[in-house]
Every structure is written in C-alpha cells, then in structure tokens.
Amino acid sequence: QVQLVESGGGLVQAGGSLRLSCAASGRTFSPYAMGWFRQAPGKEREFVGAILWSDDRTYYTDSVKGRFTISRDSAKNTLYLQMNSLKPEDTAVYYCAARNTPTGLLRLARIYDDWGQGTQVTVSS
C-alpha cells in the first residue's frame, strides 16, 4: 500500500494562490492516475482534477478550469495542485488520491485506491 501525504494548505485571501503537494511513499509508486478532490463542510467530496501518470494528460472540473493546474514530479513521487485566482467557494479540505489500474471514471471518488489525509484550504473574502 502507498502512503499519500498532502501539504501546502492554509489561509489565503480571495484572488491569491496556493500550491498543494502530495508526496507518495511506500511500495514502488507507478499509479495509472492521481486525482485531487475537495470536501467542504456539509457537502460531498467533489472531483477537482486528475492526471494520467503515463502521459500527463489532465482533466478538471469546470469550476476550476483556467485557475488550477495539476502537475507531477515522478522522480520525487509527488503530485502538485497549483491554485490561482482563489475564490471563497474553493474553501475545503483537499485530498489527493491514487488509482492503480486503468479506468475511465476518474471523476468518481470511489474508484481510487489510496487517499491522503487532506489539507485545509481557506479562502477569505
């Protein structure tokens, strides 16, 4: 099993930026894809975006397109989420997740095999 540890969350004003990191450790790490999800209080966990580990193809939910960018450093086994032009509605706990085998359902939280513990992002207005 792989361990995923997020970092980089914090408090930022609207319009600001944060970069989240997700470091993987454990067994040899070569997932099919990794995703970012977020969960605001009282709401379901929401897909933010995902990246295919083999070719860096990325997918985003509409609300973050043009503002968020997912990238990876395979040498460091680290996933990143660059968040720009942050809005108060981006406030949530952000989670990274790994999917080990191919699937076309990257937007569904239930298909991911491993999860991090989450990092809080708070955007003030």
N, C-alpha and C. Protein backbone atom coordinates (compact mmCIF):
# COMPACT_ATOMS: atom_id res chain seq x y z
N GLN A 1 0.83 -1.19 0.00
CA GLN A 1 0.00 0.00 0.00
C GLN A 1 0.88 1.25 0.00
N VAL A 2 0.40 2.29 -0.67
CA VAL A 2 1.15 3.53 -0.74
C VAL A 2 0.59 4.51 0.27
N GLN A 3 1.46 5.33 0.81
CA GLN A 3 1.04 6.39 1.72
C GLN A 3 1.10 7.72 0.97
N LEU A 4 0.06 8.51 1.09
CA LEU A 4 -0.03 9.81 0.45
C LEU A 4 -0.14 10.88 1.52
N VAL A 5 0.69 11.90 1.42
CA VAL A 5 0.69 12.97 2.41
C VAL A 5 0.59 14.31 1.71
N GLU A 6 -0.50 15.03 1.97
CA GLU A 6 -0.69 16.35 1.39
C GLU A 6 -0.06 17.41 2.27
N SER A 7 0.32 18.50 1.63
CA SER A 7 0.81 19.67 2.35
C SER A 7 0.56 20.90 1.51
N GLY A 8 0.72 22.07 2.13
CA GLY A 8 0.61 23.31 1.39
C GLY A 8 -0.68 24.08 1.60
N GLY A 9 -1.60 23.51 2.34
CA GLY A 9 -2.84 24.23 2.59
C GLY A 9 -2.62 25.42 3.51
N GLY A 10 -3.65 26.23 3.63
CA GLY A 10 -3.56 27.38 4.51
C GLY A 10 -4.67 28.36 4.26
N LEU A 11 -4.48 29.56 4.81
CA LEU A 11 -5.45 30.64 4.66
C LEU A 11 -4.92 31.65 3.65
N VAL A 12 -5.76 32.01 2.71
CA VAL A 12 -5.36 32.95 1.67
C VAL A 12 -6.54 33.86 1.35
N GLN A 13 -6.24 35.07 0.93
CA GLN A 13 -7.31 35.97 0.53
C GLN A 13 -7.81 35.64 -0.87
N ALA A 14 -9.03 36.01 -1.14
CA ALA A 14 -9.58 35.81 -2.48
C ALA A 14 -8.67 36.47 -3.51
N GLY A 15 -8.45 35.74 -4.61
CA GLY A 15 -7.55 36.22 -5.64
C GLY A 15 -6.13 35.73 -5.49
N GLY A 16 -5.83 35.15 -4.34
CA GLY A 16 -4.49 34.65 -4.07
C GLY A 16 -4.24 33.27 -4.64
N SER A 17 -3.07 32.75 -4.31
CA SER A 17 -2.63 31.46 -4.84
C SER A 17 -2.09 30.57 -3.74
N LEU A 18 -2.21 29.27 -3.96
CA LEU A 18 -1.59 28.27 -3.12
C LEU A 18 -1.14 27.13 -4.01
N ARG A 19 -0.13 26.42 -3.56
CA ARG A 19 0.26 25.19 -4.25
C ARG A 19 0.25 24.05 -3.24
N LEU A 20 -0.56 23.07 -3.54
CA LEU A 20 -0.63 21.88 -2.71
C LEU A 20 0.31 20.82 -3.27
N SER A 21 0.87 20.04 -2.37
CA SER A 21 1.72 18.93 -2.74
C SER A 21 1.16 17.65 -2.15
N CYS A 22 1.43 16.57 -2.82
CA CYS A 22 1.01 15.24 -2.35
C CYS A 22 2.19 14.30 -2.58
N ALA A 23 2.85 13.92 -1.50
CA ALA A 23 4.02 13.07 -1.59
C ALA A 23 3.63 11.62 -1.35
N ALA A 24 4.10 10.75 -2.22
CA ALA A 24 3.79 9.33 -2.11
C ALA A 24 5.00 8.56 -1.62
N SER A 25 4.75 7.61 -0.75
CA SER A 25 5.82 6.75 -0.26
C SER A 25 5.26 5.35 -0.06
N GLY A 26 6.16 4.41 0.09
CA GLY A 26 5.73 3.03 0.28
C GLY A 26 6.25 2.15 -0.84
N ARG A 27 5.38 1.32 -1.36
CA ARG A 27 5.78 0.42 -2.44
C ARG A 27 6.15 1.24 -3.68
N THR A 28 6.73 0.59 -4.63
CA THR A 28 7.07 1.25 -5.89
C THR A 28 5.84 1.97 -6.43
N PHE A 29 6.00 3.25 -6.67
CA PHE A 29 4.85 4.07 -6.98
C PHE A 29 4.75 4.30 -8.47
N SER A 30 3.74 3.71 -9.08
CA SER A 30 3.50 3.90 -10.50
C SER A 30 2.01 3.77 -10.75
N PRO A 31 1.25 4.77 -10.34
CA PRO A 31 -0.19 4.67 -10.48
C PRO A 31 -0.63 4.85 -11.92
N TYR A 32 -1.83 4.50 -12.22
CA TYR A 32 -2.44 4.82 -13.51
C TYR A 32 -2.77 6.31 -13.55
N ALA A 33 -3.31 6.81 -12.45
CA ALA A 33 -3.70 8.22 -12.38
C ALA A 33 -3.72 8.68 -10.94
N MET A 34 -3.65 9.98 -10.78
CA MET A 34 -3.85 10.57 -9.47
C MET A 34 -4.85 11.69 -9.59
N GLY A 35 -5.61 11.85 -8.54
CA GLY A 35 -6.64 12.88 -8.56
C GLY A 35 -6.57 13.77 -7.35
N TRP A 36 -7.19 14.93 -7.51
CA TRP A 36 -7.42 15.84 -6.40
C TRP A 36 -8.92 15.96 -6.19
N PHE A 37 -9.33 15.87 -4.96
CA PHE A 37 -10.72 16.05 -4.58
C PHE A 37 -10.78 17.08 -3.46
N ARG A 38 -11.95 17.60 -3.23
CA ARG A 38 -12.13 18.51 -2.11
C ARG A 38 -13.49 18.28 -1.47
N GLN A 39 -13.56 18.63 -0.20
CA GLN A 39 -14.81 18.45 0.53
C GLN A 39 -15.01 19.64 1.46
N ALA A 40 -16.08 20.37 1.21
CA ALA A 40 -16.46 21.49 2.06
C ALA A 40 -17.41 20.99 3.15
N PRO A 41 -17.51 21.71 4.25
CA PRO A 41 -18.40 21.28 5.34
C PRO A 41 -19.83 21.07 4.86
N GLY A 42 -20.38 19.93 5.19
CA GLY A 42 -21.76 19.65 4.83
C GLY A 42 -21.98 19.24 3.39
N LYS A 43 -20.90 19.09 2.64
CA LYS A 43 -21.02 18.72 1.22
C LYS A 43 -20.29 17.42 0.94
N GLU A 44 -20.64 16.83 -0.18
CA GLU A 44 -19.98 15.59 -0.60
C GLU A 44 -18.59 15.91 -1.16
N ARG A 45 -17.76 14.88 -1.15
CA ARG A 45 -16.43 15.03 -1.73
C ARG A 45 -16.58 15.28 -3.24
N GLU A 46 -15.85 16.26 -3.73
CA GLU A 46 -16.00 16.73 -5.11
C GLU A 46 -14.71 16.55 -5.89
N PHE A 47 -14.85 16.09 -7.13
CA PHE A 47 -13.70 15.96 -8.02
C PHE A 47 -13.19 17.35 -8.40
N VAL A 48 -11.87 17.53 -8.29
CA VAL A 48 -11.23 18.77 -8.72
C VAL A 48 -10.51 18.55 -10.05
N GLY A 49 -9.70 17.51 -10.11
CA GLY A 49 -8.96 17.22 -11.32
C GLY A 49 -8.16 15.95 -11.17
N ALA A 50 -7.58 15.51 -12.28
CA ALA A 50 -6.79 14.29 -12.26
C ALA A 50 -5.72 14.36 -13.34
N ILE A 51 -4.71 13.53 -13.18
CA ILE A 51 -3.63 13.45 -14.15
C ILE A 51 -3.28 12.00 -14.40
N LEU A 52 -3.07 11.66 -15.66
CA LEU A 52 -2.60 10.33 -16.00
C LEU A 52 -1.09 10.30 -15.81
N TRP A 53 -0.63 9.32 -15.05
CA TRP A 53 0.79 9.29 -14.69
C TRP A 53 1.67 9.00 -15.88
N SER A 54 1.13 8.33 -16.91
CA SER A 54 1.98 7.91 -18.03
C SER A 54 2.25 9.03 -19.03
N ASP A 55 1.26 9.92 -19.22
CA ASP A 55 1.43 10.91 -20.29
C ASP A 55 1.03 12.32 -19.89
N ASP A 56 0.76 12.53 -18.61
CA ASP A 56 0.47 13.87 -18.08
C ASP A 56 -0.83 14.47 -18.61
N ARG A 57 -1.68 13.69 -19.21
CA ARG A 57 -2.99 14.24 -19.57
C ARG A 57 -3.73 14.64 -18.30
N THR A 58 -4.37 15.78 -18.35
CA THR A 58 -5.06 16.29 -17.17
C THR A 58 -6.54 16.53 -17.47
N TYR A 59 -7.32 16.45 -16.43
CA TYR A 59 -8.75 16.64 -16.50
C TYR A 59 -9.16 17.50 -15.30
N TYR A 60 -10.11 18.41 -15.54
CA TYR A 60 -10.51 19.31 -14.46
C TYR A 60 -12.03 19.45 -14.43
N THR A 61 -12.54 19.70 -13.26
CA THR A 61 -13.93 20.09 -13.19
C THR A 61 -14.07 21.51 -13.70
N ASP A 62 -15.24 21.84 -14.22
CA ASP A 62 -15.42 23.12 -14.90
C ASP A 62 -15.11 24.31 -14.01
N SER A 63 -15.43 24.22 -12.74
CA SER A 63 -15.31 25.37 -11.85
C SER A 63 -13.86 25.79 -11.59
N VAL A 64 -12.91 24.94 -11.91
CA VAL A 64 -11.51 25.28 -11.66
C VAL A 64 -10.69 25.42 -12.94
N LYS A 65 -11.28 25.13 -14.07
CA LYS A 65 -10.56 25.23 -15.34
C LYS A 65 -10.04 26.65 -15.53
N GLY A 66 -8.78 26.74 -15.93
CA GLY A 66 -8.17 28.05 -16.13
C GLY A 66 -7.59 28.66 -14.88
N ARG A 67 -7.91 28.09 -13.72
CA ARG A 67 -7.38 28.60 -12.44
C ARG A 67 -6.46 27.60 -11.75
N PHE A 68 -6.77 26.33 -11.87
CA PHE A 68 -5.99 25.28 -11.20
C PHE A 68 -5.20 24.50 -12.23
N THR A 69 -4.01 24.04 -11.83
CA THR A 69 -3.17 23.24 -12.70
C THR A 69 -2.59 22.08 -11.90
N ILE A 70 -2.76 20.88 -12.44
CA ILE A 70 -2.19 19.68 -11.83
C ILE A 70 -0.91 19.33 -12.56
N SER A 71 0.10 18.99 -11.80
CA SER A 71 1.36 18.54 -12.38
C SER A 71 1.97 17.48 -11.47
N ARG A 72 3.03 16.89 -11.92
CA ARG A 72 3.67 15.84 -11.14
C ARG A 72 5.17 15.87 -11.35
N ASP A 73 5.87 15.33 -10.37
CA ASP A 73 7.30 15.10 -10.47
C ASP A 73 7.50 13.63 -10.15
N SER A 74 7.64 12.82 -11.20
CA SER A 74 7.72 11.38 -10.98
C SER A 74 8.99 10.98 -10.25
N ALA A 75 10.05 11.75 -10.42
CA ALA A 75 11.30 11.43 -9.71
C ALA A 75 11.14 11.58 -8.20
N LYS A 76 10.26 12.49 -7.81
CA LYS A 76 10.01 12.71 -6.39
C LYS A 76 8.74 12.04 -5.91
N ASN A 77 8.06 11.34 -6.82
CA ASN A 77 6.77 10.73 -6.47
C ASN A 77 5.83 11.75 -5.84
N THR A 78 5.76 12.90 -6.45
CA THR A 78 4.98 14.00 -5.88
C THR A 78 4.02 14.57 -6.90
N LEU A 79 2.82 14.82 -6.44
CA LEU A 79 1.75 15.43 -7.23
C LEU A 79 1.54 16.84 -6.71
N TYR A 80 1.21 17.75 -7.62
CA TYR A 80 1.00 19.14 -7.23
C TYR A 80 -0.36 19.63 -7.71
N LEU A 81 -0.88 20.61 -6.99
CA LEU A 81 -2.07 21.32 -7.43
C LEU A 81 -1.79 22.81 -7.24
N GLN A 82 -1.55 23.49 -8.34
CA GLN A 82 -1.36 24.93 -8.31
C GLN A 82 -2.72 25.60 -8.42
N MET A 83 -3.06 26.40 -7.44
CA MET A 83 -4.37 27.04 -7.40
C MET A 83 -4.19 28.55 -7.46
N ASN A 84 -4.68 29.16 -8.50
CA ASN A 84 -4.61 30.60 -8.69
C ASN A 84 -6.00 31.20 -8.68
N SER A 85 -6.06 32.50 -8.51
CA SER A 85 -7.34 33.23 -8.52
C SER A 85 -8.35 32.55 -7.61
N LEU A 86 -7.92 32.25 -6.42
CA LEU A 86 -8.78 31.51 -5.49
C LEU A 86 -10.00 32.32 -5.09
N LYS A 87 -11.09 31.60 -4.89
CA LYS A 87 -12.37 32.18 -4.52
C LYS A 87 -12.82 31.59 -3.17
N PRO A 88 -13.65 32.31 -2.44
CA PRO A 88 -14.15 31.76 -1.18
C PRO A 88 -14.80 30.39 -1.35
N GLU A 89 -15.44 30.15 -2.48
CA GLU A 89 -16.08 28.85 -2.69
C GLU A 89 -15.09 27.72 -2.93
N ASP A 90 -13.81 28.03 -3.03
CA ASP A 90 -12.79 26.98 -3.10
C ASP A 90 -12.41 26.46 -1.72
N THR A 91 -12.94 27.09 -0.68
CA THR A 91 -12.63 26.65 0.69
C THR A 91 -13.11 25.23 0.91
N ALA A 92 -12.20 24.37 1.34
CA ALA A 92 -12.50 22.95 1.55
C ALA A 92 -11.26 22.25 2.08
N VAL A 93 -11.45 21.02 2.47
CA VAL A 93 -10.31 20.13 2.70
C VAL A 93 -9.99 19.47 1.36
N TYR A 94 -8.75 19.54 0.97
CA TYR A 94 -8.32 18.98 -0.31
C TYR A 94 -7.58 17.67 -0.07
N TYR A 95 -7.95 16.67 -0.87
CA TYR A 95 -7.38 15.34 -0.77
C TYR A 95 -6.74 14.93 -2.09
N CYS A 96 -5.63 14.23 -2.01
CA CYS A 96 -5.10 13.57 -3.20
C CYS A 96 -5.42 12.08 -3.09
N ALA A 97 -5.47 11.45 -4.24
CA ALA A 97 -5.82 10.04 -4.30
C ALA A 97 -5.12 9.39 -5.48
N ALA A 98 -4.87 8.10 -5.35
CA ALA A 98 -4.19 7.36 -6.40
C ALA A 98 -5.06 6.21 -6.88
N ARG A 99 -5.07 6.05 -8.19
CA ARG A 99 -5.76 4.93 -8.82
C ARG A 99 -4.69 4.08 -9.50
N ASN A 100 -4.68 2.78 -9.22
CA ASN A 100 -3.59 1.94 -9.69
C ASN A 100 -3.79 1.34 -11.07
N THR A 101 -5.03 1.13 -11.47
CA THR A 101 -5.31 0.44 -12.74
C THR A 101 -6.18 1.32 -13.63
N PRO A 102 -6.15 1.08 -14.93
CA PRO A 102 -6.88 1.93 -15.87
C PRO A 102 -8.37 1.98 -15.60
N THR A 103 -8.91 3.15 -15.81
CA THR A 103 -10.34 3.37 -15.68
C THR A 103 -10.69 4.65 -16.42
N GLY A 104 -11.93 4.72 -16.85
CA GLY A 104 -12.42 5.94 -17.48
C GLY A 104 -13.27 6.76 -16.53
N LEU A 105 -13.23 6.41 -15.25
CA LEU A 105 -14.13 7.01 -14.26
C LEU A 105 -13.36 7.85 -13.25
N LEU A 106 -12.42 8.63 -13.71
CA LEU A 106 -11.53 9.35 -12.79
C LEU A 106 -12.26 10.39 -11.94
N ARG A 107 -13.47 10.77 -12.33
CA ARG A 107 -14.20 11.76 -11.55
C ARG A 107 -14.89 11.18 -10.33
N LEU A 108 -14.89 9.87 -10.21
CA LEU A 108 -15.59 9.20 -9.12
C LEU A 108 -14.63 8.88 -7.98
N ALA A 109 -14.92 9.39 -6.79
CA ALA A 109 -14.04 9.17 -5.66
C ALA A 109 -13.89 7.69 -5.31
N ARG A 110 -14.96 6.94 -5.48
CA ARG A 110 -14.96 5.55 -5.03
C ARG A 110 -13.99 4.66 -5.80
N ILE A 111 -13.51 5.09 -6.96
CA ILE A 111 -12.65 4.20 -7.74
C ILE A 111 -11.16 4.34 -7.36
N TYR A 112 -10.84 5.26 -6.49
CA TYR A 112 -9.45 5.47 -6.11
C TYR A 112 -9.05 4.50 -5.00
N ASP A 113 -7.79 4.05 -5.06
CA ASP A 113 -7.31 3.01 -4.17
C ASP A 113 -6.70 3.55 -2.88
N ASP A 114 -6.03 4.65 -2.97
CA ASP A 114 -5.31 5.19 -1.82
C ASP A 114 -5.61 6.68 -1.70
N TRP A 115 -5.70 7.15 -0.46
CA TRP A 115 -6.05 8.54 -0.17
C TRP A 115 -5.09 9.14 0.84
N GLY A 116 -4.86 10.44 0.68
CA GLY A 116 -4.16 11.17 1.71
C GLY A 116 -5.10 11.60 2.83
N GLN A 117 -4.55 12.26 3.81
CA GLN A 117 -5.32 12.65 4.99
C GLN A 117 -6.04 13.99 4.80
N GLY A 118 -5.65 14.73 3.78
CA GLY A 118 -6.30 16.00 3.50
C GLY A 118 -5.54 17.19 4.05
N THR A 119 -5.71 18.33 3.40
CA THR A 119 -5.13 19.58 3.87
C THR A 119 -6.17 20.68 3.69
N GLN A 120 -6.31 21.52 4.69
CA GLN A 120 -7.34 22.55 4.68
C GLN A 120 -6.90 23.75 3.85
N VAL A 121 -7.80 24.19 2.99
CA VAL A 121 -7.62 25.43 2.24
C VAL A 121 -8.78 26.35 2.60
N THR A 122 -8.46 27.52 3.07
CA THR A 122 -9.48 28.51 3.42
C THR A 122 -9.21 29.79 2.66
N VAL A 123 -10.22 30.23 1.93
CA VAL A 123 -10.11 31.45 1.13
C VAL A 123 -11.04 32.49 1.72
N SER A 124 -10.47 33.59 2.19
CA SER A 124 -11.28 34.64 2.80
C SER A 124 -11.67 35.68 1.76
N SER A 125 -12.84 36.26 1.97
CA SER A 125 -13.34 37.25 1.00
C SER A 125 -12.88 38.66 1.36
